[in-house]
Amino acid sequence: MRRTVWGMLAALFLATATGCTVTTEDPGYVPPPPPAPMDQLEQAALASPQDFSNGEDTLSFITEDRTVACSLTSARGEHINLPYETNGYSDSANNRLAIVPVAHCELATYPKPDADDVRDDCAGTGLGYLGGVALLTPDKAWYGECRSGVTQMEATYGPNGSRTGPLAQLPVLAEGQNLERNGLRCSAYNGGVACGNVSAGVGFFVSTERYELIPGPGEEASPAPSEGSKTP
């Protein structure tokens, strides 16, 4: 018994002398849930845009796990300026169209669009509206598009992806970081990406498991820019 008491006293004196503290895990501790997408976009610190610029007025990134790639860019009508995909944005025939800031994301694997979120009849066929793409304008958010093939991200990082090409060269936006361009923000967080217009309260969250559309006040249903924006 005396040895035990002396041993306890020695350990106490040692801890006091070295300034050490002993911590134990609380088995009842429950970590707080991640913030809502719009809260994340409003609160998270902004990353330097120079690290994500391609030398033009576009910011592009990919998530650390290579499941989502996004661009904060511009659109002319249905034509979206994506530095890693062929498109008709710079075609002189489209100069008459207004330039609108957009956020565009693609996923390597993705959920199907809900029936209520289908916004295009795919040239009257009602077929080919697929998930894997999300788009945000200053006042609307969409998920899905009309197309006959895979997304660029699916071709690069999907189950049979090449793991090569322009998407493989994109800079990584670390978990929790925010980027902003022309009033739109995107943040890599909670296993996916949130993009939104904080002032208008409209945005989306996308991940491999789920997506969420956050409609702005007074949103009206209308077709989204789609795969038809790409030149053949």
C-alpha atoms as a PDB file:
ATOM      1  CA  MET A   1       0.000   0.000   0.000  1.00  0.00           C
ATOM      2  CA  ARG A   2       2.814   2.441   0.863  1.00  0.00           C
ATOM      3  CA  ARG A   3       4.482   1.864  -2.498  1.00  0.00           C
ATOM      4  CA  THR A   4       1.187   2.513  -4.276  1.00  0.00           C
ATOM      5  CA  VAL A   5       0.630   5.812  -2.437  1.00  0.00           C
ATOM      6  CA  TRP A   6       4.198   6.949  -3.121  1.00  0.00           C
ATOM      7  CA  GLY A   7       3.794   6.002  -6.781  1.00  0.00           C
ATOM      8  CA  MET A   8       0.626   8.079  -7.091  1.00  0.00           C
ATOM      9  CA  LEU A   9       2.275  11.035  -5.362  1.00  0.00           C
ATOM     10  CA  ALA A  10       5.305  10.800  -7.656  1.00  0.00           C
ATOM     11  CA  ALA A  11       3.089  10.830 -10.751  1.00  0.00           C
ATOM     12  CA  LEU A  12       1.184  13.838  -9.400  1.00  0.00           C
ATOM     13  CA  PHE A  13       4.385  15.779  -8.660  1.00  0.00           C
ATOM     14  CA  LEU A  14       5.766  14.935 -12.127  1.00  0.00           C
ATOM     15  CA  ALA A  15       2.633  16.169 -13.875  1.00  0.00           C
ATOM     16  CA  THR A  16       2.686  19.380 -11.821  1.00  0.00           C
ATOM     17  CA  ALA A  17       6.369  19.980 -12.504  1.00  0.00           C
ATOM     18  CA  THR A  18       6.120  19.436 -16.255  1.00  0.00           C
ATOM     19  CA  GLY A  19       2.838  21.303 -16.708  1.00  0.00           C
ATOM     20  CA  CYS A  20       1.244  18.265 -18.366  1.00  0.00           C
ATOM     21  CA  THR A  21      -2.498  17.761 -18.449  1.00  0.00           C
ATOM     22  CA  VAL A  22      -4.353  14.513 -18.861  1.00  0.00           C
ATOM     23  CA  THR A  23      -7.363  14.448 -21.178  1.00  0.00           C
ATOM     24  CA  THR A  24      -9.881  11.703 -21.654  1.00  0.00           C
ATOM     25  CA  GLU A  25     -12.427  11.209 -24.428  1.00  0.00           C
ATOM     26  CA  ASP A  26     -16.022  11.957 -23.616  1.00  0.00           C
ATOM     27  CA  PRO A  27     -17.977   8.910 -24.823  1.00  0.00           C
ATOM     28  CA  GLY A  28     -21.133  11.003 -24.977  1.00  0.00           C
ATOM     29  CA  TYR A  29     -19.664  13.755 -27.209  1.00  0.00           C
ATOM     30  CA  VAL A  30     -21.444  14.241 -30.510  1.00  0.00           C
ATOM     31  CA  PRO A  31     -19.631  16.484 -33.032  1.00  0.00           C
ATOM     32  CA  PRO A  32     -21.755  19.336 -34.375  1.00  0.00           C
ATOM     33  CA  PRO A  33     -23.262  18.854 -37.823  1.00  0.00           C
ATOM     34  CA  PRO A  34     -21.677  20.679 -40.765  1.00  0.00           C
ATOM     35  CA  PRO A  35     -23.162  24.100 -41.508  1.00  0.00           C
ATOM     36  CA  ALA A  36     -25.909  24.488 -44.079  1.00  0.00           C
ATOM     37  CA  PRO A  37     -24.574  25.182 -47.594  1.00  0.00           C
ATOM     38  CA  MET A  38     -25.438  28.890 -47.615  1.00  0.00           C
ATOM     39  CA  ASP A  39     -23.998  29.346 -44.110  1.00  0.00           C
ATOM     40  CA  GLN A  40     -20.766  27.690 -45.248  1.00  0.00           C
ATOM     41  CA  LEU A  41     -20.545  30.004 -48.254  1.00  0.00           C
ATOM     42  CA  GLU A  42     -21.173  33.069 -46.114  1.00  0.00           C
ATOM     43  CA  GLN A  43     -18.839  32.209 -43.235  1.00  0.00           C
ATOM     44  CA  ALA A  44     -15.819  30.382 -44.716  1.00  0.00           C
ATOM     45  CA  ALA A  45     -12.689  32.365 -45.513  1.00  0.00           C
ATOM     46  CA  LEU A  46     -11.933  33.065 -49.171  1.00  0.00           C
ATOM     47  CA  ALA A  47      -8.979  31.394 -50.907  1.00  0.00           C
ATOM     48  CA  SER A  48      -6.712  33.393 -53.219  1.00  0.00           C
ATOM     49  CA  PRO A  49      -8.307  33.475 -56.690  1.00  0.00           C
ATOM     50  CA  GLN A  50      -4.897  33.704 -58.375  1.00  0.00           C
ATOM     51  CA  ASP A  51      -4.216  30.083 -57.461  1.00  0.00           C
ATOM     52  CA  PHE A  52      -7.249  28.930 -59.463  1.00  0.00           C
ATOM     53  CA  SER A  53      -7.192  31.222 -62.497  1.00  0.00           C
ATOM     54  CA  ASN A  54      -6.358  29.904 -65.946  1.00  0.00           C
ATOM     55  CA  GLY A  55      -5.109  33.308 -67.059  1.00  0.00           C
ATOM     56  CA  GLU A  56      -8.609  34.330 -68.134  1.00  0.00           C
ATOM     57  CA  ASP A  57     -11.661  35.459 -66.194  1.00  0.00           C
ATOM     58  CA  THR A  58     -12.463  31.947 -64.947  1.00  0.00           C
ATOM     59  CA  LEU A  59     -11.711  30.144 -61.670  1.00  0.00           C
ATOM     60  CA  SER A  60     -11.584  26.336 -61.846  1.00  0.00           C
ATOM     61  CA  PHE A  61     -10.854  23.679 -59.227  1.00  0.00           C
ATOM     62  CA  ILE A  62     -11.244  20.038 -58.303  1.00  0.00           C
ATOM     63  CA  THR A  63     -11.883  18.528 -54.868  1.00  0.00           C
ATOM     64  CA  GLU A  64      -9.191  16.650 -52.984  1.00  0.00           C
ATOM     65  CA  ASP A  65     -10.891  13.289 -53.565  1.00  0.00           C
ATOM     66  CA  ARG A  66     -11.315  14.033 -57.304  1.00  0.00           C
ATOM     67  CA  THR A  67     -15.084  13.579 -57.234  1.00  0.00           C
ATOM     68  CA  VAL A  68     -16.227  17.110 -58.183  1.00  0.00           C
ATOM     69  CA  ALA A  69     -14.747  19.706 -60.567  1.00  0.00           C
ATOM     70  CA  CYS A  70     -16.189  23.213 -60.849  1.00  0.00           C
ATOM     71  CA  SER A  71     -15.715  26.519 -62.602  1.00  0.00           C
ATOM     72  CA  LEU A  72     -16.818  29.988 -61.597  1.00  0.00           C
ATOM     73  CA  THR A  73     -17.159  31.350 -65.094  1.00  0.00           C
ATOM     74  CA  SER A  74     -19.578  33.031 -67.563  1.00  0.00           C
ATOM     75  CA  ALA A  75     -22.329  31.996 -69.966  1.00  0.00           C
ATOM     76  CA  ARG A  76     -23.770  33.505 -73.115  1.00  0.00           C
ATOM     77  CA  GLY A  77     -27.228  32.003 -73.357  1.00  0.00           C
ATOM     78  CA  GLU A  78     -26.666  28.230 -73.382  1.00  0.00           C
ATOM     79  CA  HIS A  79     -22.942  28.561 -74.055  1.00  0.00           C
ATOM     80  CA  ILE A  80     -20.819  28.102 -70.927  1.00  0.00           C
ATOM     81  CA  ASN A  81     -17.163  29.124 -70.925  1.00  0.00           C
ATOM     82  CA  LEU A  82     -15.396  26.020 -69.610  1.00  0.00           C
ATOM     83  CA  PRO A  83     -11.610  25.915 -70.077  1.00  0.00           C
ATOM     84  CA  TYR A  84     -11.505  22.104 -70.039  1.00  0.00           C
ATOM     85  CA  GLU A  85     -14.368  21.421 -72.503  1.00  0.00           C
ATOM     86  CA  THR A  86     -15.086  22.455 -76.084  1.00  0.00           C
ATOM     87  CA  ASN A  87     -17.882  25.032 -76.204  1.00  0.00           C
ATOM     88  CA  GLY A  88     -19.291  27.842 -78.309  1.00  0.00           C
ATOM     89  CA  TYR A  89     -18.911  30.666 -75.787  1.00  0.00           C
ATOM     90  CA  SER A  90     -16.364  32.590 -77.901  1.00  0.00           C
ATOM     91  CA  ASP A  91     -18.181  32.106 -81.204  1.00  0.00           C
ATOM     92  CA  SER A  92     -18.748  35.561 -82.688  1.00  0.00           C
ATOM     93  CA  ALA A  93     -22.332  34.582 -83.502  1.00  0.00           C
ATOM     94  CA  ASN A  94     -23.029  34.592 -79.753  1.00  0.00           C
ATOM     95  CA  ASN A  95     -21.624  38.054 -79.042  1.00  0.00           C
ATOM     96  CA  ARG A  96     -25.149  39.469 -79.110  1.00  0.00           C
ATOM     97  CA  LEU A  97     -26.082  37.389 -76.063  1.00  0.00           C
ATOM     98  CA  ALA A  98     -25.744  38.859 -72.575  1.00  0.00           C
ATOM     99  CA  ILE A  99     -22.844  37.616 -70.454  1.00  0.00           C
ATOM    100  CA  VAL A 100     -24.047  36.084 -67.169  1.00  0.00           C
ATOM    101  CA  PRO A 101     -21.834  34.844 -64.285  1.00  0.00           C
ATOM    102  CA  VAL A 102     -22.367  31.151 -63.522  1.00  0.00           C
ATOM    103  CA  ALA A 103     -21.000  28.351 -61.366  1.00  0.00           C
ATOM    104  CA  HIS A 104     -20.809  24.983 -63.131  1.00  0.00           C
ATOM    105  CA  CYS A 105     -19.891  21.657 -61.464  1.00  0.00           C
ATOM    106  CA  GLU A 106     -19.442  18.110 -62.798  1.00  0.00           C
ATOM    107  CA  LEU A 107     -19.254  14.879 -60.827  1.00  0.00           C
ATOM    108  CA  ALA A 108     -17.431  11.608 -61.471  1.00  0.00           C
ATOM    109  CA  THR A 109     -20.225   9.561 -59.864  1.00  0.00           C
ATOM    110  CA  TYR A 110     -23.584  11.054 -59.016  1.00  0.00           C
ATOM    111  CA  PRO A 111     -27.226  10.617 -57.999  1.00  0.00           C
ATOM    112  CA  LYS A 112     -30.096  10.712 -60.466  1.00  0.00           C
ATOM    113  CA  PRO A 113     -32.172  13.899 -60.746  1.00  0.00           C
ATOM    114  CA  ASP A 114     -35.492  13.840 -58.929  1.00  0.00           C
ATOM    115  CA  ALA A 115     -38.473  13.979 -61.262  1.00  0.00           C
ATOM    116  CA  ASP A 116     -39.446  17.394 -59.881  1.00  0.00           C
ATOM    117  CA  ASP A 117     -36.001  18.783 -60.779  1.00  0.00           C
ATOM    118  CA  VAL A 118     -36.081  17.835 -64.467  1.00  0.00           C
ATOM    119  CA  ARG A 119     -36.174  21.170 -66.322  1.00  0.00           C
ATOM    120  CA  ASP A 120     -35.722  20.160 -69.975  1.00  0.00           C
ATOM    121  CA  ASP A 121     -37.653  17.876 -72.325  1.00  0.00           C
ATOM    122  CA  CYS A 122     -34.466  17.127 -74.325  1.00  0.00           C
ATOM    123  CA  ALA A 123     -35.627  18.428 -77.705  1.00  0.00           C
ATOM    124  CA  GLY A 124     -39.106  17.076 -77.137  1.00  0.00           C
ATOM    125  CA  THR A 125     -38.005  13.488 -76.582  1.00  0.00           C
ATOM    126  CA  GLY A 126     -38.299  13.467 -72.807  1.00  0.00           C
ATOM    127  CA  LEU A 127     -35.220  11.212 -72.786  1.00  0.00           C
ATOM    128  CA  GLY A 128     -31.612  11.752 -71.824  1.00  0.00           C
ATOM    129  CA  TYR A 129     -31.943  14.113 -68.855  1.00  0.00           C
ATOM    130  CA  LEU A 130     -29.070  12.855 -66.704  1.00  0.00           C
ATOM    131  CA  GLY A 131     -27.426  13.841 -63.433  1.00  0.00           C
ATOM    132  CA  GLY A 132     -23.800  14.670 -62.783  1.00  0.00           C
ATOM    133  CA  VAL A 133     -23.936  18.393 -63.619  1.00  0.00           C
ATOM    134  CA  ALA A 134     -25.086  21.359 -61.521  1.00  0.00           C
ATOM    135  CA  LEU A 135     -25.420  24.956 -62.688  1.00  0.00           C
ATOM    136  CA  LEU A 136     -25.958  28.207 -60.827  1.00  0.00           C
ATOM    137  CA  THR A 137     -26.842  31.627 -62.241  1.00  0.00           C
ATOM    138  CA  PRO A 138     -27.309  34.682 -60.001  1.00  0.00           C
ATOM    139  CA  ASP A 139     -30.978  33.783 -59.427  1.00  0.00           C
ATOM    140  CA  LYS A 140     -31.454  30.071 -60.221  1.00  0.00           C
ATOM    141  CA  ALA A 141     -29.901  26.639 -59.581  1.00  0.00           C
ATOM    142  CA  TRP A 142     -30.352  23.429 -61.604  1.00  0.00           C
ATOM    143  CA  TYR A 143     -29.220  19.846 -61.365  1.00  0.00           C
ATOM    144  CA  GLY A 144     -28.946  17.608 -64.440  1.00  0.00           C
ATOM    145  CA  GLU A 145     -28.808  18.189 -68.194  1.00  0.00           C
ATOM    146  CA  CYS A 146     -29.710  16.611 -71.519  1.00  0.00           C
ATOM    147  CA  ARG A 147     -26.844  14.581 -72.957  1.00  0.00           C
ATOM    148  CA  SER A 148     -26.160  11.271 -74.637  1.00  0.00           C
ATOM    149  CA  GLY A 149     -22.845  10.427 -72.966  1.00  0.00           C
ATOM    150  CA  VAL A 150     -20.837  10.801 -69.785  1.00  0.00           C
ATOM    151  CA  THR A 151     -19.631  14.000 -68.161  1.00  0.00           C
ATOM    152  CA  GLN A 152     -16.006  15.014 -68.604  1.00  0.00           C
ATOM    153  CA  MET A 153     -15.461  14.216 -64.927  1.00  0.00           C
ATOM    154  CA  GLU A 154     -17.009  10.769 -65.371  1.00  0.00           C
ATOM    155  CA  ALA A 155     -14.699  10.112 -68.325  1.00  0.00           C
ATOM    156  CA  THR A 156     -11.711  11.211 -66.240  1.00  0.00           C
ATOM    157  CA  TYR A 157     -12.417  10.012 -62.702  1.00  0.00           C
ATOM    158  CA  GLY A 158     -15.402   7.683 -63.050  1.00  0.00           C
ATOM    159  CA  PRO A 159     -15.142   3.893 -62.603  1.00  0.00           C
ATOM    160  CA  ASN A 160     -13.526   3.490 -66.039  1.00  0.00           C
ATOM    161  CA  GLY A 161     -11.948   6.936 -66.163  1.00  0.00           C
ATOM    162  CA  SER A 162      -8.644   7.758 -67.825  1.00  0.00           C
ATOM    163  CA  ARG A 163      -7.241   9.746 -64.863  1.00  0.00           C
ATOM    164  CA  THR A 164      -5.608  11.987 -67.477  1.00  0.00           C
ATOM    165  CA  GLY A 165      -6.497  15.120 -69.413  1.00  0.00           C
ATOM    166  CA  PRO A 166      -7.297  18.744 -68.569  1.00  0.00           C
ATOM    167  CA  LEU A 167      -9.373  17.942 -65.482  1.00  0.00           C
ATOM    168  CA  ALA A 168      -6.435  16.057 -63.998  1.00  0.00           C
ATOM    169  CA  GLN A 169      -4.450  19.322 -64.138  1.00  0.00           C
ATOM    170  CA  LEU A 170      -6.909  21.437 -62.143  1.00  0.00           C
ATOM    171  CA  PRO A 171      -5.749  22.892 -58.804  1.00  0.00           C
ATOM    172  CA  VAL A 172      -7.288  21.400 -55.655  1.00  0.00           C
ATOM    173  CA  LEU A 173      -9.626  23.485 -53.506  1.00  0.00           C
ATOM    174  CA  ALA A 174      -9.025  22.185 -49.996  1.00  0.00           C
ATOM    175  CA  GLU A 175     -11.872  21.144 -47.719  1.00  0.00           C
ATOM    176  CA  GLY A 176     -13.486  24.208 -46.164  1.00  0.00           C
ATOM    177  CA  GLN A 177     -12.049  26.734 -48.605  1.00  0.00           C
ATOM    178  CA  ASN A 178     -14.177  29.273 -50.480  1.00  0.00           C
ATOM    179  CA  LEU A 179     -13.773  30.893 -53.900  1.00  0.00           C
ATOM    180  CA  GLU A 180     -15.691  33.904 -55.222  1.00  0.00           C
ATOM    181  CA  ARG A 181     -16.184  35.460 -58.655  1.00  0.00           C
ATOM    182  CA  ASN A 182     -18.720  38.091 -59.714  1.00  0.00           C
ATOM    183  CA  GLY A 183     -20.938  37.588 -56.671  1.00  0.00           C
ATOM    184  CA  LEU A 184     -21.033  33.766 -56.846  1.00  0.00           C
ATOM    185  CA  ARG A 185     -19.171  31.524 -54.410  1.00  0.00           C
ATOM    186  CA  CYS A 186     -18.171  27.851 -54.310  1.00  0.00           C
ATOM    187  CA  SER A 187     -16.820  25.911 -51.329  1.00  0.00           C
ATOM    188  CA  ALA A 188     -15.461  22.386 -51.009  1.00  0.00           C
ATOM    189  CA  TYR A 189     -16.964  20.973 -47.823  1.00  0.00           C
ATOM    190  CA  ASN A 190     -18.941  18.104 -46.307  1.00  0.00           C
ATOM    191  CA  GLY A 191     -17.701  15.639 -48.930  1.00  0.00           C
ATOM    192  CA  GLY A 192     -18.885  17.703 -51.891  1.00  0.00           C
ATOM    193  CA  VAL A 193     -19.205  21.265 -53.195  1.00  0.00           C
ATOM    194  CA  ALA A 194     -21.652  24.048 -52.412  1.00  0.00           C
ATOM    195  CA  CYS A 195     -22.100  26.996 -54.780  1.00  0.00           C
ATOM    196  CA  GLY A 196     -24.380  29.954 -54.237  1.00  0.00           C
ATOM    197  CA  ASN A 197     -25.291  33.579 -54.510  1.00  0.00           C
ATOM    198  CA  VAL A 198     -25.302  34.493 -50.833  1.00  0.00           C
ATOM    199  CA  SER A 199     -27.081  37.809 -51.263  1.00  0.00           C
ATOM    200  CA  ALA A 200     -29.954  36.180 -53.206  1.00  0.00           C
ATOM    201  CA  GLY A 201     -30.099  33.039 -51.049  1.00  0.00           C
ATOM    202  CA  VAL A 202     -29.942  30.697 -54.044  1.00  0.00           C
ATOM    203  CA  GLY A 203     -27.491  27.836 -54.541  1.00  0.00           C
ATOM    204  CA  PHE A 204     -26.815  24.105 -54.638  1.00  0.00           C
ATOM    205  CA  PHE A 205     -24.865  21.357 -52.921  1.00  0.00           C
ATOM    206  CA  VAL A 206     -23.603  18.313 -54.855  1.00  0.00           C
ATOM    207  CA  SER A 207     -21.757  15.176 -53.811  1.00  0.00           C
ATOM    208  CA  THR A 208     -21.443  11.588 -54.971  1.00  0.00           C
ATOM    209  CA  GLU A 209     -24.284  10.583 -52.643  1.00  0.00           C
ATOM    210  CA  ARG A 210     -26.787  13.413 -52.862  1.00  0.00           C
ATOM    211  CA  TYR A 211     -27.616  16.869 -54.147  1.00  0.00           C
ATOM    212  CA  GLU A 212     -29.635  19.769 -52.824  1.00  0.00           C
ATOM    213  CA  LEU A 213     -31.110  22.719 -54.710  1.00  0.00           C
ATOM    214  CA  ILE A 214     -31.672  25.944 -52.775  1.00  0.00           C
ATOM    215  CA  PRO A 215     -34.189  28.054 -54.717  1.00  0.00           C
ATOM    216  CA  GLY A 216     -34.150  31.800 -54.476  1.00  0.00           C
ATOM    217  CA  PRO A 217     -37.262  33.829 -53.708  1.00  0.00           C
ATOM    218  CA  GLY A 218     -39.684  34.051 -56.626  1.00  0.00           C
ATOM    219  CA  GLU A 219     -37.845  31.428 -58.694  1.00  0.00           C
ATOM    220  CA  GLU A 220     -39.648  30.483 -61.895  1.00  0.00           C
ATOM    221  CA  ALA A 221     -39.163  27.197 -63.718  1.00  0.00           C
ATOM    222  CA  SER A 222     -37.160  27.555 -66.932  1.00  0.00           C
ATOM    223  CA  PRO A 223     -34.803  25.376 -68.968  1.00  0.00           C
ATOM    224  CA  ALA A 224     -31.156  25.395 -67.868  1.00  0.00           C
ATOM    225  CA  PRO A 225     -28.173  25.757 -70.189  1.00  0.00           C
ATOM    226  CA  SER A 226     -27.415  22.171 -71.148  1.00  0.00           C
ATOM    227  CA  GLU A 227     -25.199  19.868 -73.165  1.00  0.00           C
ATOM    228  CA  GLY A 228     -26.524  21.620 -76.247  1.00  0.00           C
ATOM    229  CA  SER A 229     -24.141  24.442 -75.340  1.00  0.00           C
ATOM    230  CA  LYS A 230     -21.200  22.353 -76.536  1.00  0.00           C
ATOM    231  CA  THR A 231     -20.146  22.391 -80.131  1.00  0.00           C
ATOM    232  CA  PRO A 232     -20.263  19.023 -81.894  1.00  0.00           C
END
